[in-house]
């Protein structure tokens, strides 16, 4: 298997991410714990993995892309609601089999003319992920807004696509229930053995 990303260890003044190697066809789950640190930590790490921040211990062999959440424009949707068809036309590769995959999932009521504002969390998240994977193989993504059922369904769906197409992914998360479905979990380690203080902090490495 080809290596997509190699991490020899990321150490800051607060935590340590142990070494791992990401191969094509797999997902690595990063367990970051829950707390006020989570948002800043996730952004910091995804910027490293996507090459926005250079780190001496991280080598990228293929470009990784962070999959942004769908951001709704309330003003625009009031007068010109965004449909699935228009979202895909703008954000996906129509030559990819993933271009129409959302219509093949269990939400059979979704059509090209369905308004995105009417679609619940799990299929909306999958729509953005399918669109991203239609254009690139290697992603960093999150599933933080989904319930347990949606989380597991989305994880398995993306895992299947990556194994089939030879892509890869890194999933930062803060839940304790991924052991049953995630084959490879890397856990953030606190330098002092305790979570960081509640006040604002900055990363130094």
C-alpha atoms as a PDB file:
ATOM      1  CA  UNK A   1       0.000   0.000   0.000  1.00  0.00           C
ATOM      2  CA  UNK A   2       1.154   3.516  -0.751  1.00  0.00           C
ATOM      3  CA  UNK A   3       1.770   5.995   2.064  1.00  0.00           C
ATOM      4  CA  UNK A   4      -0.354   9.151   1.987  1.00  0.00           C
ATOM      5  CA  UNK A   5       0.887  10.841   5.167  1.00  0.00           C
ATOM      6  CA  UNK A   6       3.531  10.052   7.770  1.00  0.00           C
ATOM      7  CA  UNK A   7       3.470  11.552  11.258  1.00  0.00           C
ATOM      8  CA  UNK A   8       6.513  10.978  13.461  1.00  0.00           C
ATOM      9  CA  UNK A   9       4.895  12.727  16.435  1.00  0.00           C
ATOM     10  CA  UNK A  10       3.368  16.171  16.965  1.00  0.00           C
ATOM     11  CA  UNK A  11       4.283  17.743  20.288  1.00  0.00           C
ATOM     12  CA  UNK A  12       3.005  21.081  21.597  1.00  0.00           C
ATOM     13  CA  UNK A  13       3.276  22.665  25.026  1.00  0.00           C
ATOM     14  CA  UNK A  14      -0.030  20.966  25.960  1.00  0.00           C
ATOM     15  CA  UNK A  15      -0.331  17.652  24.143  1.00  0.00           C
ATOM     16  CA  UNK A  16       1.292  14.988  22.028  1.00  0.00           C
ATOM     17  CA  UNK A  17      -0.098  13.198  18.947  1.00  0.00           C
ATOM     18  CA  UNK A  18       1.714   9.835  18.733  1.00  0.00           C
ATOM     19  CA  UNK A  19       3.299   8.698  15.468  1.00  0.00           C
ATOM     20  CA  UNK A  20       1.132   7.110  12.780  1.00  0.00           C
ATOM     21  CA  UNK A  21       1.238   6.354   9.072  1.00  0.00           C
ATOM     22  CA  UNK A  22      -1.801   6.895   6.858  1.00  0.00           C
ATOM     23  CA  UNK A  23      -2.010   4.491   3.917  1.00  0.00           C
ATOM     24  CA  UNK A  24      -4.268   4.688   0.893  1.00  0.00           C
ATOM     25  CA  UNK A  25      -7.575   2.931   1.443  1.00  0.00           C
ATOM     26  CA  UNK A  26      -7.865   3.642   5.169  1.00  0.00           C
ATOM     27  CA  UNK A  27      -9.279   6.056   7.743  1.00  0.00           C
ATOM     28  CA  UNK A  28      -7.359   7.086  10.829  1.00  0.00           C
ATOM     29  CA  UNK A  29      -9.485   8.364  13.705  1.00  0.00           C
ATOM     30  CA  UNK A  30      -7.895  10.957  15.984  1.00  0.00           C
ATOM     31  CA  UNK A  31      -9.465  10.893  19.430  1.00  0.00           C
ATOM     32  CA  UNK A  32      -8.977  14.429  20.777  1.00  0.00           C
ATOM     33  CA  UNK A  33     -11.110  14.237  23.971  1.00  0.00           C
ATOM     34  CA  UNK A  34     -13.941  16.676  24.605  1.00  0.00           C
ATOM     35  CA  UNK A  35     -13.634  20.163  26.063  1.00  0.00           C
ATOM     36  CA  UNK A  36     -12.950  23.790  25.276  1.00  0.00           C
ATOM     37  CA  UNK A  37      -9.667  22.840  23.611  1.00  0.00           C
ATOM     38  CA  UNK A  38     -11.376  20.758  20.915  1.00  0.00           C
ATOM     39  CA  UNK A  39     -12.129  23.389  18.247  1.00  0.00           C
ATOM     40  CA  UNK A  40      -8.665  24.998  18.285  1.00  0.00           C
ATOM     41  CA  UNK A  41      -6.942  21.610  18.415  1.00  0.00           C
ATOM     42  CA  UNK A  42      -8.889  20.279  15.452  1.00  0.00           C
ATOM     43  CA  UNK A  43      -8.128  23.348  13.327  1.00  0.00           C
ATOM     44  CA  UNK A  44      -4.448  23.234  14.297  1.00  0.00           C
ATOM     45  CA  UNK A  45      -4.086  19.572  13.321  1.00  0.00           C
ATOM     46  CA  UNK A  46      -6.112  19.746  10.121  1.00  0.00           C
ATOM     47  CA  UNK A  47      -3.971  22.689   8.973  1.00  0.00           C
ATOM     48  CA  UNK A  48      -0.881  20.521   9.469  1.00  0.00           C
ATOM     49  CA  UNK A  49      -2.380  17.504   7.699  1.00  0.00           C
ATOM     50  CA  UNK A  50      -3.610  19.642   4.795  1.00  0.00           C
ATOM     51  CA  UNK A  51      -0.213  21.351   4.420  1.00  0.00           C
ATOM     52  CA  UNK A  52      -1.243  24.842   5.554  1.00  0.00           C
ATOM     53  CA  UNK A  53       1.160  24.607   8.498  1.00  0.00           C
ATOM     54  CA  UNK A  54       4.552  23.002   7.951  1.00  0.00           C
ATOM     55  CA  UNK A  55       5.642  20.570  10.654  1.00  0.00           C
ATOM     56  CA  UNK A  56       9.050  18.926  10.667  1.00  0.00           C
ATOM     57  CA  UNK A  57       7.608  15.578  11.809  1.00  0.00           C
ATOM     58  CA  UNK A  58       4.790  15.360   9.264  1.00  0.00           C
ATOM     59  CA  UNK A  59       5.395  14.371   5.649  1.00  0.00           C
ATOM     60  CA  UNK A  60       2.638  14.630   3.046  1.00  0.00           C
ATOM     61  CA  UNK A  61       3.021  12.313   0.063  1.00  0.00           C
ATOM     62  CA  UNK A  62      -0.368  13.304  -1.384  1.00  0.00           C
ATOM     63  CA  UNK A  63      -2.388  16.469  -0.977  1.00  0.00           C
ATOM     64  CA  UNK A  64      -5.147  16.241   1.635  1.00  0.00           C
ATOM     65  CA  UNK A  65      -8.271  18.426   1.581  1.00  0.00           C
ATOM     66  CA  UNK A  66     -10.465  19.453   4.495  1.00  0.00           C
ATOM     67  CA  UNK A  67     -14.169  18.983   3.757  1.00  0.00           C
ATOM     68  CA  UNK A  68     -15.987  22.111   4.861  1.00  0.00           C
ATOM     69  CA  UNK A  69     -19.493  21.891   6.298  1.00  0.00           C
ATOM     70  CA  UNK A  70     -22.308  23.190   4.158  1.00  0.00           C
ATOM     71  CA  UNK A  71     -22.806  26.861   4.952  1.00  0.00           C
ATOM     72  CA  UNK A  72     -26.257  28.206   4.301  1.00  0.00           C
ATOM     73  CA  UNK A  73     -26.879  31.739   3.095  1.00  0.00           C
ATOM     74  CA  UNK A  74     -30.195  32.656   4.720  1.00  0.00           C
ATOM     75  CA  UNK A  75     -30.564  35.774   2.594  1.00  0.00           C
ATOM     76  CA  UNK A  76     -29.976  33.916  -0.681  1.00  0.00           C
ATOM     77  CA  UNK A  77     -32.114  30.922   0.329  1.00  0.00           C
ATOM     78  CA  UNK A  78     -35.033  33.221   1.037  1.00  0.00           C
ATOM     79  CA  UNK A  79     -35.217  34.257  -2.613  1.00  0.00           C
ATOM     80  CA  UNK A  80     -33.358  31.467  -4.460  1.00  0.00           C
ATOM     81  CA  UNK A  81     -33.175  28.252  -2.357  1.00  0.00           C
ATOM     82  CA  UNK A  82     -30.206  26.022  -3.126  1.00  0.00           C
ATOM     83  CA  UNK A  83     -31.142  22.596  -4.503  1.00  0.00           C
ATOM     84  CA  UNK A  84     -29.139  19.368  -4.500  1.00  0.00           C
ATOM     85  CA  UNK A  85     -28.741  19.661  -8.262  1.00  0.00           C
ATOM     86  CA  UNK A  86     -27.205  23.124  -8.087  1.00  0.00           C
ATOM     87  CA  UNK A  87     -24.988  22.170  -5.145  1.00  0.00           C
ATOM     88  CA  UNK A  88     -23.565  19.196  -7.024  1.00  0.00           C
ATOM     89  CA  UNK A  89     -23.118  21.189 -10.222  1.00  0.00           C
ATOM     90  CA  UNK A  90     -20.981  23.695  -8.327  1.00  0.00           C
ATOM     91  CA  UNK A  91     -19.104  21.411  -5.932  1.00  0.00           C
ATOM     92  CA  UNK A  92     -18.805  17.931  -7.462  1.00  0.00           C
ATOM     93  CA  UNK A  93     -17.221  16.194 -10.436  1.00  0.00           C
ATOM     94  CA  UNK A  94     -20.108  15.054 -12.605  1.00  0.00           C
ATOM     95  CA  UNK A  95     -17.923  12.386 -14.264  1.00  0.00           C
ATOM     96  CA  UNK A  96     -17.493  10.581 -10.929  1.00  0.00           C
ATOM     97  CA  UNK A  97     -19.861   7.789  -9.787  1.00  0.00           C
ATOM     98  CA  UNK A  98     -20.138   9.705  -6.498  1.00  0.00           C
ATOM     99  CA  UNK A  99     -21.886  12.575  -8.279  1.00  0.00           C
ATOM    100  CA  UNK A 100     -25.231  10.761  -7.956  1.00  0.00           C
ATOM    101  CA  UNK A 101     -24.501   8.609  -4.909  1.00  0.00           C
ATOM    102  CA  UNK A 102     -26.704  10.615  -2.531  1.00  0.00           C
ATOM    103  CA  UNK A 103     -29.720   9.521  -4.614  1.00  0.00           C
ATOM    104  CA  UNK A 104     -28.700   5.871  -4.184  1.00  0.00           C
ATOM    105  CA  UNK A 105     -28.561   6.028  -0.366  1.00  0.00           C
ATOM    106  CA  UNK A 106     -31.436   5.089   1.926  1.00  0.00           C
ATOM    107  CA  UNK A 107     -32.986   8.570   1.675  1.00  0.00           C
ATOM    108  CA  UNK A 108     -34.945   7.790  -1.479  1.00  0.00           C
ATOM    109  CA  UNK A 109     -37.056  10.946  -1.129  1.00  0.00           C
ATOM    110  CA  UNK A 110     -34.062  13.142  -1.994  1.00  0.00           C
ATOM    111  CA  UNK A 111     -34.171  14.289  -5.631  1.00  0.00           C
ATOM    112  CA  UNK A 112     -32.112  16.787  -7.665  1.00  0.00           C
ATOM    113  CA  UNK A 113     -34.753  19.415  -6.957  1.00  0.00           C
ATOM    114  CA  UNK A 114     -34.798  18.889  -3.175  1.00  0.00           C
ATOM    115  CA  UNK A 115     -33.843  22.038  -1.306  1.00  0.00           C
ATOM    116  CA  UNK A 116     -30.798  21.633   0.932  1.00  0.00           C
ATOM    117  CA  UNK A 117     -32.567  23.415   3.767  1.00  0.00           C
ATOM    118  CA  UNK A 118     -35.035  20.492   3.872  1.00  0.00           C
ATOM    119  CA  UNK A 119     -32.347  17.793   4.211  1.00  0.00           C
ATOM    120  CA  UNK A 120     -31.450  16.583   7.745  1.00  0.00           C
ATOM    121  CA  UNK A 121     -27.948  16.330   9.170  1.00  0.00           C
ATOM    122  CA  UNK A 122     -26.694  12.903   8.082  1.00  0.00           C
ATOM    123  CA  UNK A 123     -27.605  13.009   4.353  1.00  0.00           C
ATOM    124  CA  UNK A 124     -26.530  16.655   4.184  1.00  0.00           C
ATOM    125  CA  UNK A 125     -23.119  15.735   5.626  1.00  0.00           C
ATOM    126  CA  UNK A 126     -22.816  12.815   3.212  1.00  0.00           C
ATOM    127  CA  UNK A 127     -23.733  15.066   0.300  1.00  0.00           C
ATOM    128  CA  UNK A 128     -20.741  17.308   1.089  1.00  0.00           C
ATOM    129  CA  UNK A 129     -18.450  14.305   1.585  1.00  0.00           C
ATOM    130  CA  UNK A 130     -19.509  12.593  -1.653  1.00  0.00           C
ATOM    131  CA  UNK A 131     -19.007  15.857  -3.524  1.00  0.00           C
ATOM    132  CA  UNK A 132     -15.521  16.288  -2.075  1.00  0.00           C
ATOM    133  CA  UNK A 133     -14.524  12.679  -2.788  1.00  0.00           C
ATOM    134  CA  UNK A 134     -15.725  13.017  -6.369  1.00  0.00           C
ATOM    135  CA  UNK A 135     -12.918  15.559  -6.858  1.00  0.00           C
ATOM    136  CA  UNK A 136     -10.172  14.339  -4.509  1.00  0.00           C
ATOM    137  CA  UNK A 137      -9.217  11.033  -2.878  1.00  0.00           C
ATOM    138  CA  UNK A 138      -7.619  12.176   0.367  1.00  0.00           C
ATOM    139  CA  UNK A 139      -9.596  14.153   2.944  1.00  0.00           C
ATOM    140  CA  UNK A 140      -9.737  15.408   6.509  1.00  0.00           C
ATOM    141  CA  UNK A 141     -13.327  15.564   7.732  1.00  0.00           C
ATOM    142  CA  UNK A 142     -15.504  15.682  10.832  1.00  0.00           C
ATOM    143  CA  UNK A 143     -18.859  14.223  11.848  1.00  0.00           C
ATOM    144  CA  UNK A 144     -19.370  16.216  15.024  1.00  0.00           C
ATOM    145  CA  UNK A 145     -22.966  17.355  14.450  1.00  0.00           C
ATOM    146  CA  UNK A 146     -24.431  13.869  13.850  1.00  0.00           C
ATOM    147  CA  UNK A 147     -26.165  11.481  16.239  1.00  0.00           C
ATOM    148  CA  UNK A 148     -24.728   8.011  16.928  1.00  0.00           C
ATOM    149  CA  UNK A 149     -26.659   6.316  14.111  1.00  0.00           C
ATOM    150  CA  UNK A 150     -25.732   8.983  11.576  1.00  0.00           C
ATOM    151  CA  UNK A 151     -22.106   8.959  12.739  1.00  0.00           C
ATOM    152  CA  UNK A 152     -21.743   5.204  12.268  1.00  0.00           C
ATOM    153  CA  UNK A 153     -23.595   5.164   8.925  1.00  0.00           C
ATOM    154  CA  UNK A 154     -21.486   8.016   7.533  1.00  0.00           C
ATOM    155  CA  UNK A 155     -18.231   6.500   8.782  1.00  0.00           C
ATOM    156  CA  UNK A 156     -18.932   3.142   7.147  1.00  0.00           C
ATOM    157  CA  UNK A 157     -20.060   4.796   3.908  1.00  0.00           C
ATOM    158  CA  UNK A 158     -16.851   6.816   3.616  1.00  0.00           C
ATOM    159  CA  UNK A 159     -14.705   3.861   4.686  1.00  0.00           C
ATOM    160  CA  UNK A 160     -16.201   1.767   1.875  1.00  0.00           C
ATOM    161  CA  UNK A 161     -15.542   4.449  -0.729  1.00  0.00           C
ATOM    162  CA  UNK A 162     -11.918   4.864   0.367  1.00  0.00           C
ATOM    163  CA  UNK A 163     -11.226   1.128   0.246  1.00  0.00           C
ATOM    164  CA  UNK A 164     -12.735   0.872  -3.211  1.00  0.00           C
ATOM    165  CA  UNK A 165     -11.142   3.974  -4.736  1.00  0.00           C
ATOM    166  CA  UNK A 166      -7.796   3.956  -2.920  1.00  0.00           C
ATOM    167  CA  UNK A 167      -8.409   7.195  -1.062  1.00  0.00           C
ATOM    168  CA  UNK A 168      -7.643   8.011   2.566  1.00  0.00           C
ATOM    169  CA  UNK A 169      -9.009  10.103   5.418  1.00  0.00           C
ATOM    170  CA  UNK A 170      -8.273  11.498   8.862  1.00  0.00           C
ATOM    171  CA  UNK A 171     -11.259  11.948  11.180  1.00  0.00           C
ATOM    172  CA  UNK A 172     -10.746  14.045  14.350  1.00  0.00           C
ATOM    173  CA  UNK A 173     -13.447  13.285  16.900  1.00  0.00           C
ATOM    174  CA  UNK A 174     -14.301  13.503  20.597  1.00  0.00           C
ATOM    175  CA  UNK A 175     -16.614  10.527  21.215  1.00  0.00           C
ATOM    176  CA  UNK A 176     -15.826   7.352  23.148  1.00  0.00           C
ATOM    177  CA  UNK A 177     -17.831   4.938  20.991  1.00  0.00           C
ATOM    178  CA  UNK A 178     -15.684   4.484  17.889  1.00  0.00           C
ATOM    179  CA  UNK A 179     -13.812   1.341  18.932  1.00  0.00           C
ATOM    180  CA  UNK A 180     -16.328  -1.023  17.330  1.00  0.00           C
ATOM    181  CA  UNK A 181     -16.247   0.489  13.832  1.00  0.00           C
ATOM    182  CA  UNK A 182     -12.862   2.285  13.571  1.00  0.00           C
ATOM    183  CA  UNK A 183      -9.921  -0.051  12.873  1.00  0.00           C
ATOM    184  CA  UNK A 184      -7.238   2.548  13.645  1.00  0.00           C
ATOM    185  CA  UNK A 185      -7.570   5.083  16.482  1.00  0.00           C
ATOM    186  CA  UNK A 186      -4.823   7.473  17.617  1.00  0.00           C
ATOM    187  CA  UNK A 187      -5.405   9.163  20.984  1.00  0.00           C
ATOM    188  CA  UNK A 188      -4.157  12.616  21.939  1.00  0.00           C
ATOM    189  CA  UNK A 189      -1.966  12.477  25.048  1.00  0.00           C
ATOM    190  CA  UNK A 190      -1.834  15.370  27.524  1.00  0.00           C
ATOM    191  CA  UNK A 191       1.719  16.335  28.433  1.00  0.00           C
ATOM    192  CA  UNK A 192       0.900  16.626  32.132  1.00  0.00           C
ATOM    193  CA  UNK A 193      -1.613  13.796  32.195  1.00  0.00           C
ATOM    194  CA  UNK A 194      -4.497  16.244  32.603  1.00  0.00           C
ATOM    195  CA  UNK A 195      -6.665  18.303  30.232  1.00  0.00           C
ATOM    196  CA  UNK A 196      -5.551  21.892  29.615  1.00  0.00           C
ATOM    197  CA  UNK A 197      -6.821  24.741  31.808  1.00  0.00           C
ATOM    198  CA  UNK A 198     -10.158  26.357  30.966  1.00  0.00           C
ATOM    199  CA  UNK A 199      -8.611  29.671  29.943  1.00  0.00           C
ATOM    200  CA  UNK A 200      -7.530  30.494  26.393  1.00  0.00           C
ATOM    201  CA  UNK A 201      -4.299  28.899  25.213  1.00  0.00           C
ATOM    202  CA  UNK A 202      -1.953  28.893  22.241  1.00  0.00           C
ATOM    203  CA  UNK A 203       0.061  26.131  20.623  1.00  0.00           C
ATOM    204  CA  UNK A 204       3.831  26.164  20.654  1.00  0.00           C
ATOM    205  CA  UNK A 205       5.896  23.464  18.946  1.00  0.00           C
END
